[in-house]
PDB file of N, CA and C in Angstrom:
ATOM      1  N   MET A   1     107.753 124.962 118.559  1.00  0.00           N
ATOM      2  CA  MET A   1     106.713 123.599 118.341  1.00  0.00           C
ATOM      3  C   MET A   1     106.037 123.246 119.505  1.00  0.00           C
ATOM      4  N   GLY A   2     104.886 122.957 119.724  1.00  0.00           N
ATOM      5  CA  GLY A   2     104.421 122.264 121.018  1.00  0.00           C
ATOM      6  C   GLY A   2     104.137 121.004 120.788  1.00  0.00           C
ATOM      7  N   ILE A   3     104.103 120.587 122.118  1.00  0.00           N
ATOM      8  CA  ILE A   3     103.728 119.191 122.346  1.00  0.00           C
ATOM      9  C   ILE A   3     102.706 118.625 121.555  1.00  0.00           C
ATOM     10  N   LYS A   4     101.510 119.202 121.623  1.00  0.00           N
ATOM     11  CA  LYS A   4     100.426 118.965 120.853  1.00  0.00           C
ATOM     12  C   LYS A   4     100.522 118.833 119.421  1.00  0.00           C
ATOM     13  N   LYS A   5     101.213 120.003 118.696  1.00  0.00           N
ATOM     14  CA  LYS A   5     101.452 120.268 117.431  1.00  0.00           C
ATOM     15  C   LYS A   5     102.549 118.998 117.026  1.00  0.00           C
ATOM     16  N   ILE A   6     103.157 118.457 117.736  1.00  0.00           N
ATOM     17  CA  ILE A   6     104.279 117.419 117.480  1.00  0.00           C
ATOM     18  C   ILE A   6     103.440 116.152 117.327  1.00  0.00           C
ATOM     19  N   ILE A   7     102.664 116.073 118.249  1.00  0.00           N
ATOM     20  CA  ILE A   7     101.894 114.632 118.309  1.00  0.00           C
ATOM     21  C   ILE A   7     100.729 114.477 117.246  1.00  0.00           C
ATOM     22  N   LEU A   8      99.960 115.477 117.440  1.00  0.00           N
ATOM     23  CA  LEU A   8      98.928 115.699 116.349  1.00  0.00           C
ATOM     24  C   LEU A   8      99.290 116.061 115.046  1.00  0.00           C
ATOM     25  N   GLY A   9     100.385 116.937 114.766  1.00  0.00           N
ATOM     26  CA  GLY A   9     100.539 117.195 113.506  1.00  0.00           C
ATOM     27  C   GLY A   9      99.861 118.597 113.188  1.00  0.00           C
ATOM     28  N   GLU A  10      99.917 119.163 111.799  1.00  0.00           N
ATOM     29  CA  GLU A  10      98.987 120.331 111.405  1.00  0.00           C
ATOM     30  C   GLU A  10      98.157 119.619 110.525  1.00  0.00           C
ATOM     31  N   PRO A  11      96.881 120.607 110.536  1.00  0.00           N
ATOM     32  CA  PRO A  11      96.127 120.029 109.455  1.00  0.00           C
ATOM     33  C   PRO A  11      96.468 120.079 108.163  1.00  0.00           C
ATOM     34  N   MET A  12      95.950 119.380 107.490  1.00  0.00           N
ATOM     35  CA  MET A  12      96.054 119.048 106.092  1.00  0.00           C
ATOM     36  C   MET A  12      95.528 120.625 105.371  1.00  0.00           C
ATOM     37  N   PRO A  13      96.378 121.141 104.702  1.00  0.00           N
ATOM     38  CA  PRO A  13      95.963 122.297 104.165  1.00  0.00           C
ATOM     39  C   PRO A  13      95.572 122.038 102.571  1.00  0.00           C
ATOM     40  N   ASP A  14      94.452 123.027 102.406  1.00  0.00           N
ATOM     41  CA  ASP A  14      94.020 122.651 101.073  1.00  0.00           C
ATOM     42  C   ASP A  14      94.857 123.218  99.865  1.00  0.00           C
ATOM     43  N   LYS A  15      94.738 122.824  98.968  1.00  0.00           N
ATOM     44  CA  LYS A  15      96.078 123.456  97.824  1.00  0.00           C
ATOM     45  C   LYS A  15      95.365 124.654  97.319  1.00  0.00           C
ATOM     46  N   ASN A  16      94.225 124.790  97.400  1.00  0.00           N
ATOM     47  CA  ASN A  16      93.696 126.399  96.777  1.00  0.00           C
ATOM     48  C   ASN A  16      93.630 127.242  97.958  1.00  0.00           C
ATOM     49  N   ASP A  17      93.801 126.827  99.016  1.00  0.00           N
ATOM     50  CA  ASP A  17      93.855 127.950 100.142  1.00  0.00           C
ATOM     51  C   ASP A  17      95.028 129.116  99.813  1.00  0.00           C
ATOM     52  N   PRO A  18      94.664 130.344  99.970  1.00  0.00           N
ATOM     53  CA  PRO A  18      95.755 131.446  99.351  1.00  0.00           C
ATOM     54  C   PRO A  18      97.050 131.212 100.473  1.00  0.00           C
ATOM     55  N   LYS A  19      96.403 130.919 101.630  1.00  0.00           N
ATOM     56  CA  LYS A  19      97.627 130.744 102.836  1.00  0.00           C
ATOM     57  C   LYS A  19      98.704 129.829 102.440  1.00  0.00           C
ATOM     58  N   TYR A  20      98.286 128.687 101.822  1.00  0.00           N
ATOM     59  CA  TYR A  20      99.404 127.795 101.657  1.00  0.00           C
ATOM     60  C   TYR A  20      99.504 127.609 100.163  1.00  0.00           C
ATOM     61  N   LYS A  21      98.932 128.269  99.286  1.00  0.00           N
ATOM     62  CA  LYS A  21      99.306 128.295  97.779  1.00  0.00           C
ATOM     63  C   LYS A  21     100.725 128.403  97.212  1.00  0.00           C
ATOM     64  N   GLN A  22     101.301 129.345  97.878  1.00  0.00           N
ATOM     65  CA  GLN A  22     102.807 129.419  97.294  1.00  0.00           C
ATOM     66  C   GLN A  22     103.775 128.025  98.033  1.00  0.00           C
ATOM     67  N   ARG A  23     103.022 127.701  99.186  1.00  0.00           N
ATOM     68  CA  ARG A  23     104.165 126.661  99.836  1.00  0.00           C
ATOM     69  C   ARG A  23     103.606 125.467  98.925  1.00  0.00           C
ATOM     70  N   TYR A  24     102.545 125.070  98.551  1.00  0.00           N
ATOM     71  CA  TYR A  24     102.009 123.913  97.870  1.00  0.00           C
ATOM     72  C   TYR A  24     102.826 123.869  96.500  1.00  0.00           C
ATOM     73  N   GLU A  25     103.089 125.010  95.706  1.00  0.00           N
ATOM     74  CA  GLU A  25     103.461 124.998  94.693  1.00  0.00           C
ATOM     75  C   GLU A  25     105.035 124.999  94.486  1.00  0.00           C
ATOM     76  N   ARG A  26     105.369 125.500  95.661  1.00  0.00           N
ATOM     77  CA  ARG A  26     106.980 125.198  95.646  1.00  0.00           C
ATOM     78  C   ARG A  26     107.127 123.824  95.930  1.00  0.00           C
ATOM     79  N   ASP A  27     106.453 123.038  96.919  1.00  0.00           N
ATOM     80  CA  ASP A  27     106.760 121.778  97.131  1.00  0.00           C
ATOM     81  C   ASP A  27     106.485 120.787  95.810  1.00  0.00           C
ATOM     82  N   VAL A  28     105.322 121.311  95.044  1.00  0.00           N
ATOM     83  CA  VAL A  28     105.156 120.260  94.027  1.00  0.00           C
ATOM     84  C   VAL A  28     106.471 120.655  92.826  1.00  0.00           C
ATOM     85  N   GLU A  29     106.909 121.608  92.859  1.00  0.00           N
ATOM     86  CA  GLU A  29     107.781 121.985  91.802  1.00  0.00           C
ATOM     87  C   GLU A  29     109.483 121.117  92.430  1.00  0.00           C
ATOM     88  N   ALA A  30     109.417 121.102  93.828  1.00  0.00           N
ATOM     89  CA  ALA A  30     110.603 120.495  94.318  1.00  0.00           C
ATOM     90  C   ALA A  30     110.448 118.959  93.854  1.00  0.00           C
ATOM     91  N   GLY A  31     109.384 118.590  94.227  1.00  0.00           N
ATOM     92  CA  GLY A  31     108.860 117.224  93.877  1.00  0.00           C
ATOM     93  C   GLY A  31     109.263 116.654  92.393  1.00  0.00           C
ATOM     94  N   ARG A  32     108.824 117.579  91.304  1.00  0.00           N
ATOM     95  CA  ARG A  32     108.968 117.511  90.095  1.00  0.00           C
ATOM     96  C   ARG A  32     110.484 117.335  89.768  1.00  0.00           C
ATOM     97  N   LYS A  33     111.147 118.326  90.167  1.00  0.00           N
ATOM     98  CA  LYS A  33     113.048 118.513  90.066  1.00  0.00           C
ATOM     99  C   LYS A  33     113.340 116.989  90.507  1.00  0.00           C
ATOM    100  N   PHE A  34     113.109 116.682  91.673  1.00  0.00           N
ATOM    101  CA  PHE A  34     113.578 115.571  91.973  1.00  0.00           C
ATOM    102  C   PHE A  34     113.198 114.287  91.420  1.00  0.00           C
ATOM    103  N   ALA A  35     112.186 114.164  90.855  1.00  0.00           N
ATOM    104  CA  ALA A  35     111.673 113.089  90.138  1.00  0.00           C
ATOM    105  C   ALA A  35     112.428 113.008  88.881  1.00  0.00           C
ATOM    106  N   ASN A  36     112.726 114.361  88.140  1.00  0.00           N
ATOM    107  CA  ASN A  36     113.254 114.223  86.911  1.00  0.00           C
ATOM    108  C   ASN A  36     114.965 113.989  86.898  1.00  0.00           C
ATOM    109  N   ALA A  37     115.426 114.485  88.182  1.00  0.00           N
ATOM    110  CA  ALA A  37     116.726 114.388  88.668  1.00  0.00           C
ATOM    111  C   ALA A  37     116.962 112.696  88.543  1.00  0.00           C
ATOM    112  N   SER A  38     116.188 112.211  89.426  1.00  0.00           N
ATOM    113  CA  SER A  38     116.328 110.676  90.024  1.00  0.00           C
ATOM    114  C   SER A  38     116.108 110.013  88.900  1.00  0.00           C
ATOM    115  N   GLY A  39     115.253 109.988  87.914  1.00  0.00           N
ATOM    116  CA  GLY A  39     114.851 109.162  86.763  1.00  0.00           C
ATOM    117  C   GLY A  39     113.067 108.529  87.083  1.00  0.00           C
ATOM    118  N   LEU A  40     112.961 108.976  88.140  1.00  0.00           N
ATOM    119  CA  LEU A  40     111.510 108.377  88.730  1.00  0.00           C
ATOM    120  C   LEU A  40     110.534 108.835  87.669  1.00  0.00           C
ATOM    121  N   GLY A  41     110.476 109.936  87.421  1.00  0.00           N
ATOM    122  CA  GLY A  41     109.243 110.385  86.445  1.00  0.00           C
ATOM    123  C   GLY A  41     109.540 109.336  85.055  1.00  0.00           C
ATOM    124  N   TRP A  42     110.684 109.144  84.626  1.00  0.00           N
ATOM    125  CA  TRP A  42     110.935 108.132  83.146  1.00  0.00           C
ATOM    126  C   TRP A  42     110.342 106.787  83.805  1.00  0.00           C
ATOM    127  N   LEU A  43     110.717 106.443  84.969  1.00  0.00           N
ATOM    128  CA  LEU A  43     110.420 104.855  84.992  1.00  0.00           C
ATOM    129  C   LEU A  43     108.657 104.869  85.652  1.00  0.00           C
ATOM    130  N   SER A  44     108.430 105.989  86.305  1.00  0.00           N
ATOM    131  CA  SER A  44     106.750 105.345  86.582  1.00  0.00           C
ATOM    132  C   SER A  44     106.047 105.604  84.974  1.00  0.00           C
ATOM    133  N   GLY A  45     106.396 106.491  84.197  1.00  0.00           N
ATOM    134  CA  GLY A  45     105.929 106.391  82.776  1.00  0.00           C
ATOM    135  C   GLY A  45     106.041 105.251  82.118  1.00  0.00           C
ATOM    136  N   ARG A  46     107.221 104.658  82.000  1.00  0.00           N
ATOM    137  CA  ARG A  46     107.185 103.506  81.612  1.00  0.00           C
ATOM    138  C   ARG A  46     106.435 102.366  82.016  1.00  0.00           C
ATOM    139  N   ILE A  47     106.390 102.124  83.380  1.00  0.00           N
ATOM    140  CA  ILE A  47     105.596 101.485  84.103  1.00  0.00           C
ATOM    141  C   ILE A  47     104.162 101.211  83.837  1.00  0.00           C
ATOM    142  N   THR A  48     103.693 102.593  83.740  1.00  0.00           N
ATOM    143  CA  THR A  48     102.276 103.103  83.357  1.00  0.00           C
ATOM    144  C   THR A  48     102.077 102.498  81.909  1.00  0.00           C
ATOM    145  N   ILE A  49     102.884 102.758  80.944  1.00  0.00           N
ATOM    146  CA  ILE A  49     102.570 102.111  79.749  1.00  0.00           C
ATOM    147  C   ILE A  49     102.262 100.840  79.596  1.00  0.00           C
ATOM    148  N   PHE A  50     103.569 100.018  80.441  1.00  0.00           N
ATOM    149  CA  PHE A  50     103.452  98.466  80.476  1.00  0.00           C
ATOM    150  C   PHE A  50     102.152  98.218  81.288  1.00  0.00           C
ATOM    151  N   ALA A  51     101.651  99.056  82.163  1.00  0.00           N
ATOM    152  CA  ALA A  51     100.425  98.258  82.914  1.00  0.00           C
ATOM    153  C   ALA A  51      99.236  98.603  81.906  1.00  0.00           C
ATOM    154  N   LYS A  52      99.170  99.793  80.883  1.00  0.00           N
ATOM    155  CA  LYS A  52      98.158  99.964  80.113  1.00  0.00           C
ATOM    156  C   LYS A  52      98.129  98.790  79.243  1.00  0.00           C
ATOM    157  N   ASN A  53      99.298  98.540  78.321  1.00  0.00           N
ATOM    158  CA  ASN A  53      99.781  97.562  77.262  1.00  0.00           C
ATOM    159  C   ASN A  53      99.227  96.083  77.877  1.00  0.00           C
ATOM    160  N   HIS A  54      99.646  95.747  79.129  1.00  0.00           N
ATOM    161  CA  HIS A  54      99.847  94.166  79.434  1.00  0.00           C
ATOM    162  C   HIS A  54      99.007  94.166  80.842  1.00  0.00           C
ATOM    163  N   LYS A  55      97.591  94.268  80.968  1.00  0.00           N
ATOM    164  CA  LYS A  55      96.905  94.615  82.081  1.00  0.00           C
ATOM    165  C   LYS A  55      97.187  93.277  83.169  1.00  0.00           C
ATOM    166  N   GLU A  56      96.816  92.287  82.423  1.00  0.00           N
ATOM    167  CA  GLU A  56      97.061  90.971  83.217  1.00  0.00           C
ATOM    168  C   GLU A  56      98.303  90.611  83.812  1.00  0.00           C
ATOM    169  N   ALA A  57      99.115  90.795  82.875  1.00  0.00           N
ATOM    170  CA  ALA A  57     100.660  90.494  83.520  1.00  0.00           C
ATOM    171  C   ALA A  57     101.149  91.414  84.312  1.00  0.00           C
ATOM    172  N   PHE A  58     100.611  92.772  84.179  1.00  0.00           N
ATOM    173  CA  PHE A  58     100.976  93.416  85.554  1.00  0.00           C
ATOM    174  C   PHE A  58     100.407  93.382  86.610  1.00  0.00           C
ATOM    175  N   LEU A  59      98.860  92.932  86.571  1.00  0.00           N
ATOM    176  CA  LEU A  59      98.202  92.438  88.019  1.00  0.00           C
ATOM    177  C   LEU A  59      99.170  91.229  88.471  1.00  0.00           C
ATOM    178  N   ILE A  60      99.207  90.247  87.635  1.00  0.00           N
ATOM    179  CA  ILE A  60     100.053  89.001  88.192  1.00  0.00           C
ATOM    180  C   ILE A  60     101.244  89.147  88.775  1.00  0.00           C
ATOM    181  N   ILE A  61     102.326  90.286  88.194  1.00  0.00           N
ATOM    182  CA  ILE A  61     103.346  90.454  88.591  1.00  0.00           C
ATOM    183  C   ILE A  61     103.130  91.138  89.801  1.00  0.00           C
ATOM    184  N   THR A  62     102.337  92.275  89.999  1.00  0.00           N
ATOM    185  CA  THR A  62     102.327  93.130  91.352  1.00  0.00           C
ATOM    186  C   THR A  62     101.706  92.223  92.466  1.00  0.00           C
ATOM    187  N   PHE A  63     100.486  91.509  92.178  1.00  0.00           N
ATOM    188  CA  PHE A  63     100.059  90.529  93.178  1.00  0.00           C
ATOM    189  C   PHE A  63     100.753  89.366  93.424  1.00  0.00           C
ATOM    190  N   GLY A  64     101.528  88.831  92.619  1.00  0.00           N
ATOM    191  CA  GLY A  64     102.550  87.952  92.793  1.00  0.00           C
ATOM    192  C   GLY A  64     103.617  88.248  93.619  1.00  0.00           C
ATOM    193  N   THR A  65     104.058  89.542  93.722  1.00  0.00           N
ATOM    194  CA  THR A  65     105.179  89.971  94.317  1.00  0.00           C
ATOM    195  C   THR A  65     104.679  90.039  95.664  1.00  0.00           C
ATOM    196  N   VAL A  66     103.431  90.716  95.982  1.00  0.00           N
ATOM    197  CA  VAL A  66     102.886  90.733  97.280  1.00  0.00           C
ATOM    198  C   VAL A  66     102.745  89.417  97.662  1.00  0.00           C
ATOM    199  N   ILE A  67     102.217  88.854  97.056  1.00  0.00           N
ATOM    200  CA  ILE A  67     101.934  87.353  97.851  1.00  0.00           C
ATOM    201  C   ILE A  67     103.186  86.567  98.049  1.00  0.00           C
ATOM    202  N   LEU A  68     104.167  86.688  97.289  1.00  0.00           N
ATOM    203  CA  LEU A  68     105.525  86.307  97.452  1.00  0.00           C
ATOM    204  C   LEU A  68     106.110  86.786  98.986  1.00  0.00           C
ATOM    205  N   LEU A  69     105.997  87.912  98.935  1.00  0.00           N
ATOM    206  CA  LEU A  69     106.951  88.481 100.079  1.00  0.00           C
ATOM    207  C   LEU A  69     105.935  88.421 101.318  1.00  0.00           C
ATOM    208  N   PHE A  70     104.843  88.113 101.290  1.00  0.00           N
ATOM    209  CA  PHE A  70     104.101  87.928 102.329  1.00  0.00           C
ATOM    210  C   PHE A  70     104.251  86.370 102.802  1.00  0.00           C
ATOM    211  N   SER A  71     104.470  85.340 101.919  1.00  0.00           N
ATOM    212  CA  SER A  71     104.664  84.042 102.019  1.00  0.00           C
ATOM    213  C   SER A  71     106.339  83.951 102.798  1.00  0.00           C
ATOM    214  N   LEU A  72     106.961  84.762 102.364  1.00  0.00           N
ATOM    215  CA  LEU A  72     108.143  84.741 102.883  1.00  0.00           C
ATOM    216  C   LEU A  72     108.471  84.933 104.388  1.00  0.00           C
ATOM    217  N   ASN A  73     107.600  86.150 104.480  1.00  0.00           N
ATOM    218  CA  ASN A  73     107.277  86.807 105.775  1.00  0.00           C
ATOM    219  C   ASN A  73     106.739  85.566 106.756  1.00  0.00           C
ATOM    220  N   ILE A  74     105.727  85.130 106.360  1.00  0.00           N
ATOM    221  CA  ILE A  74     105.302  84.134 107.259  1.00  0.00           C
ATOM    222  C   ILE A  74     106.118  82.803 107.561  1.00  0.00           C
ATOM    223  N   ILE A  75     106.790  82.239 106.624  1.00  0.00           N
ATOM    224  CA  ILE A  75     107.744  81.116 106.747  1.00  0.00           C
ATOM    225  C   ILE A  75     108.893  81.653 107.872  1.00  0.00           C
ATOM    226  N   GLY A  76     109.478  82.925 107.516  1.00  0.00           N
ATOM    227  CA  GLY A  76     110.329  83.481 108.424  1.00  0.00           C
ATOM    228  C   GLY A  76     109.763  83.395 110.193  1.00  0.00           C
ATOM    229  N   MET A  77     108.721  83.906 109.884  1.00  0.00           N
ATOM    230  CA  MET A  77     108.260  83.970 111.379  1.00  0.00           C
ATOM    231  C   MET A  77     108.016  82.562 111.815  1.00  0.00           C
ATOM    232  N   VAL A  78     107.587  81.381 111.112  1.00  0.00           N
ATOM    233  CA  VAL A  78     107.304  80.252 111.700  1.00  0.00           C
ATOM    234  C   VAL A  78     108.790  79.474 111.809  1.00  0.00           C
ATOM    235  N   MET A  79     109.691  79.769 111.334  1.00  0.00           N
ATOM    236  CA  MET A  79     111.115  79.432 111.378  1.00  0.00           C
ATOM    237  C   MET A  79     111.630  79.920 112.897  1.00  0.00           C
ATOM    238  N   SER A  80     111.481  81.155 112.804  1.00  0.00           N
ATOM    239  CA  SER A  80     111.827  81.691 114.258  1.00  0.00           C
ATOM    240  C   SER A  80     111.080  81.240 115.409  1.00  0.00           C
ATOM    241  N   TYR A  81     109.801  81.116 115.350  1.00  0.00           N
ATOM    242  CA  TYR A  81     108.936  80.066 116.540  1.00  0.00           C
ATOM    243  C   TYR A  81     109.480  79.034 116.401  1.00  0.00           C
ATOM    244  N   ARG A  82     109.518  78.380 115.549  1.00  0.00           N
ATOM    245  CA  ARG A  82     110.262  76.753 115.867  1.00  0.00           C
ATOM    246  C   ARG A  82     111.894  77.065 116.606  1.00  0.00           C
ATOM    247  N   ALA A  83     112.550  77.947 116.117  1.00  0.00           N
ATOM    248  CA  ALA A  83     113.590  77.721 116.748  1.00  0.00           C
ATOM    249  C   ALA A  83     113.694  77.865 118.172  1.00  0.00           C
ATOM    250  N   SER A  84     112.816  78.897 118.716  1.00  0.00           N
ATOM    251  CA  SER A  84     112.623  79.381 119.906  1.00  0.00           C
ATOM    252  C   SER A  84     111.956  78.200 120.781  1.00  0.00           C
ATOM    253  N   HIS A  85     111.391  77.231 120.343  1.00  0.00           N
ATOM    254  CA  HIS A  85     110.809  76.335 120.869  1.00  0.00           C
ATOM    255  C   HIS A  85     111.585  75.170 120.774  1.00  0.00           C
ATOM    256  N   SER A  86     112.817  75.017 120.290  1.00  0.00           N
ATOM    257  CA  SER A  86     113.748  73.910 120.469  1.00  0.00           C
ATOM    258  C   SER A  86     114.285  73.405 121.659  1.00  0.00           C
ATOM    259  N   ASN A  87     114.931  72.325 121.724  1.00  0.00           N
ATOM    260  CA  ASN A  87     115.463  71.695 123.120  1.00  0.00           C
ATOM    261  C   ASN A  87     116.723  72.055 123.380  1.00  0.00           C
ATOM    262  N   GLN A  88     117.615  72.845 122.127  1.00  0.00           N
ATOM    263  CA  GLN A  88     118.874  73.086 122.264  1.00  0.00           C
ATOM    264  C   GLN A  88     118.871  74.693 122.763  1.00  0.00           C
ATOM    265  N   PRO A  89     119.596  75.052 123.399  1.00  0.00           N
ATOM    266  CA  PRO A  89     119.817  76.633 123.677  1.00  0.00           C
ATOM    267  C   PRO A  89     119.960  77.457 122.758  1.00  0.00           C
ATOM    268  N   ALA A  90     119.283  78.366 122.354  1.00  0.00           N
ATOM    269  CA  ALA A  90     119.388  79.186 121.150  1.00  0.00           C
ATOM    270  C   ALA A  90     120.260  80.255 121.218  1.00  0.00           C
ATOM    271  N   GLN A  91     120.502  80.774 122.472  1.00  0.00           N
ATOM    272  CA  GLN A  91     121.474  81.666 122.669  1.00  0.00           C
ATOM    273  C   GLN A  91     122.984  81.396 123.083  1.00  0.00           C
ATOM    274  N   SER A  92     123.952  81.996 122.487  1.00  0.00           N
ATOM    275  CA  SER A  92     125.291  81.740 122.690  1.00  0.00           C
ATOM    276  C   SER A  92     125.556  81.759 124.236  1.00  0.00           C
ATOM    277  N   VAL A  93     124.926  82.676 124.809  1.00  0.00           N
ATOM    278  CA  VAL A  93     125.122  82.975 126.446  1.00  0.00           C
ATOM    279  C   VAL A  93     124.777  81.609 126.894  1.00  0.00           C
ATOM    280  N   GLN A  94     123.673  81.405 126.670  1.00  0.00           N
ATOM    281  CA  GLN A  94     123.483  79.727 127.322  1.00  0.00           C
ATOM    282  C   GLN A  94     124.342  78.823 127.159  1.00  0.00           C
ATOM    283  N   ARG A  95     124.786  78.624 125.826  1.00  0.00           N
ATOM    284  CA  ARG A  95     125.921  77.636 125.211  1.00  0.00           C
ATOM    285  C   ARG A  95     127.215  77.576 126.108  1.00  0.00           C
ATOM    286  N   VAL A  96     127.649  78.917 126.304  1.00  0.00           N
ATOM    287  CA  VAL A  96     128.874  79.298 127.047  1.00  0.00           C
ATOM    288  C   VAL A  96     128.818  79.070 128.622  1.00  0.00           C
ATOM    289  N   ASP A  97     127.626  79.511 129.120  1.00  0.00           N
ATOM    290  CA  ASP A  97     127.234  78.986 130.540  1.00  0.00           C
ATOM    291  C   ASP A  97     127.398  77.583 130.764  1.00  0.00           C
ATOM    292  N   SER A  98     126.478  76.806 129.979  1.00  0.00           N
ATOM    293  CA  SER A  98     126.680  75.246 130.180  1.00  0.00           C
ATOM    294  C   SER A  98     127.802  74.581 129.897  1.00  0.00           C
ATOM    295  N   ALA A  99     128.897  75.253 128.784  1.00  0.00           N
ATOM    296  CA  ALA A  99     130.175  74.783 128.667  1.00  0.00           C
ATOM    297  C   ALA A  99     131.040  75.101 130.099  1.00  0.00           C
ATOM    298  N   MET A 100     130.815  76.204 130.664  1.00  0.00           N
ATOM    299  CA  MET A 100     131.603  76.497 131.814  1.00  0.00           C
ATOM    300  C   MET A 100     131.378  75.855 132.966  1.00  0.00           C
ATOM    301  N   ARG A 101     129.840  75.496 133.147  1.00  0.00           N
ATOM    302  CA  ARG A 101     129.372  74.784 134.370  1.00  0.00           C
ATOM    303  C   ARG A 101     130.132  73.161 134.012  1.00  0.00           C
ATOM    304  N   ARG A 102     129.887  72.393 132.814  1.00  0.00           N
ATOM    305  CA  ARG A 102     130.631  71.545 132.840  1.00  0.00           C
ATOM    306  C   ARG A 102     132.208  71.130 132.939  1.00  0.00           C
ATOM    307  N   GLN A 103     133.025  72.494 132.737  1.00  0.00           N
ATOM    308  CA  GLN A 103     134.192  72.583 132.998  1.00  0.00           C
ATOM    309  C   GLN A 103     134.497  72.704 134.256  1.00  0.00           C
ATOM    310  N   ALA A 104     133.858  73.191 135.234  1.00  0.00           N
ATOM    311  CA  ALA A 104     133.966  73.392 136.581  1.00  0.00           C
ATOM    312  C   ALA A 104     133.559  72.628 137.214  1.00  0.00           C
ATOM    313  N   SER A 105     132.925  71.776 137.218  1.00  0.00           N
ATOM    314  CA  SER A 105     132.507  70.296 137.932  1.00  0.00           C
ATOM    315  C   SER A 105     133.383  69.331 137.376  1.00  0.00           C
ATOM    316  N   PRO A 106     134.077  68.602 138.693  1.00  0.00           N
ATOM    317  CA  PRO A 106     134.968  67.536 138.352  1.00  0.00           C
ATOM    318  C   PRO A 106     134.242  66.055 138.179  1.00  0.00           C
ATOM    319  N   LYS A 107     135.038  65.705 137.305  1.00  0.00           N
ATOM    320  CA  LYS A 107     134.551  64.389 136.865  1.00  0.00           C
ATOM    321  C   LYS A 107     134.798  63.319 138.099  1.00  0.00           C
ATOM    322  N   ALA A 108     133.688  62.303 138.508  1.00  0.00           N
ATOM    323  CA  ALA A 108     134.049  61.314 139.160  1.00  0.00           C
ATOM    324  C   ALA A 108     135.353  60.444 139.169  1.00  0.00           C
ATOM    325  N   SER A 109     135.815  60.306 138.327  1.00  0.00           N
ATOM    326  CA  SER A 109     137.284  59.765 138.186  1.00  0.00           C
ATOM    327  C   SER A 109     138.208  60.607 138.592  1.00  0.00           C
ATOM    328  N   ASP A 110     138.072  61.796 138.640  1.00  0.00           N
ATOM    329  CA  ASP A 110     138.855  62.919 139.163  1.00  0.00           C
ATOM    330  C   ASP A 110     138.986  62.861 140.748  1.00  0.00           C
ATOM    331  N   ILE A 111     137.824  63.019 141.049  1.00  0.00           N
ATOM    332  CA  ILE A 111     137.108  62.959 142.589  1.00  0.00           C
ATOM    333  C   ILE A 111     137.714  61.586 143.315  1.00  0.00           C
ATOM    334  N   ILE A 112     137.806  60.323 142.801  1.00  0.00           N
ATOM    335  CA  ILE A 112     138.183  59.374 143.564  1.00  0.00           C
ATOM    336  C   ILE A 112     139.770  59.321 143.474  1.00  0.00           C
ATOM    337  N   ARG A 113     140.192  59.590 142.304  1.00  0.00           N
ATOM    338  CA  ARG A 113     141.951  59.645 142.318  1.00  0.00           C
ATOM    339  C   ARG A 113     142.806  60.649 143.296  1.00  0.00           C
ATOM    340  N   HIS A 114     142.064  62.202 143.173  1.00  0.00           N
ATOM    341  CA  HIS A 114     142.676  62.965 143.649  1.00  0.00           C
ATOM    342  C   HIS A 114     141.978  63.624 144.911  1.00  0.00           C
ATOM    343  N   GLY A 115     141.023  63.177 145.059  1.00  0.00           N
ATOM    344  CA  GLY A 115     140.149  63.668 146.140  1.00  0.00           C
ATOM    345  C   GLY A 115     139.229  64.855 145.703  1.00  0.00           C
ATOM    346  N   ASN A 116     138.488  65.688 146.407  1.00  0.00           N
ATOM    347  CA  ASN A 116     137.752  66.622 146.091  1.00  0.00           C
ATOM    348  C   ASN A 116     138.297  67.773 146.730  1.00  0.00           C
ATOM    349  N   PRO A 117     138.895  68.732 145.808  1.00  0.00           N
ATOM    350  CA  PRO A 117     139.747  69.806 146.252  1.00  0.00           C
ATOM    351  C   PRO A 117     138.766  70.770 146.899  1.00  0.00           C
ATOM    352  N   ARG A 118     137.418  70.923 146.832  1.00  0.00           N
ATOM    353  CA  ARG A 118     136.464  71.623 147.680  1.00  0.00           C
ATOM    354  C   ARG A 118     136.604  70.966 149.045  1.00  0.00           C
ATOM    355  N   LEU A 119     136.455  69.926 149.293  1.00  0.00           N
ATOM    356  CA  LEU A 119     136.191  69.326 150.375  1.00  0.00           C
ATOM    357  C   LEU A 119     137.679  69.280 151.339  1.00  0.00           C
ATOM    358  N   TYR A 120     138.765  69.110 150.772  1.00  0.00           N
ATOM    359  CA  TYR A 120     140.034  68.952 151.457  1.00  0.00           C
ATOM    360  C   TYR A 120     140.870  70.268 151.491  1.00  0.00           C
ATOM    361  N   GLY A 121     140.468  71.096 150.808  1.00  0.00           N
ATOM    362  CA  GLY A 121     141.354  72.222 150.667  1.00  0.00           C
ATOM    363  C   GLY A 121     142.590  72.272 149.954  1.00  0.00           C
ATOM    364  N   GLU A 122     142.927  71.286 148.797  1.00  0.00           N
ATOM    365  CA  GLU A 122     144.059  71.247 148.071  1.00  0.00           C
ATOM    366  C   GLU A 122     144.088  72.352 147.240  1.00  0.00           C
TER     367      GLU A 122
END
């Protein structure tokens, strides 16, 4: 396989082309076998029957699901954006860093009572 073939792929073969006819039939048969074994054929048939009998309900369910998932995606993006702009450090590394700095810096009362160990070499 050349790089060009990997990037561009191969042209879509025509199903009536004798060069690809055998391959096309083999692929279609494999797809049918998989659909029957996994129950996808039965499920798609039931969905088609439901969609034919209840057109409006099918459209409401379909587009309602799409709108719901899109809304949840937008809400997640807004929450993520707001969390990144809050005053509190968002990352645990920053929290640990600030806690270590607080622990390492001596309090004013300690310096008065015991002197500054950094200055006096204690």
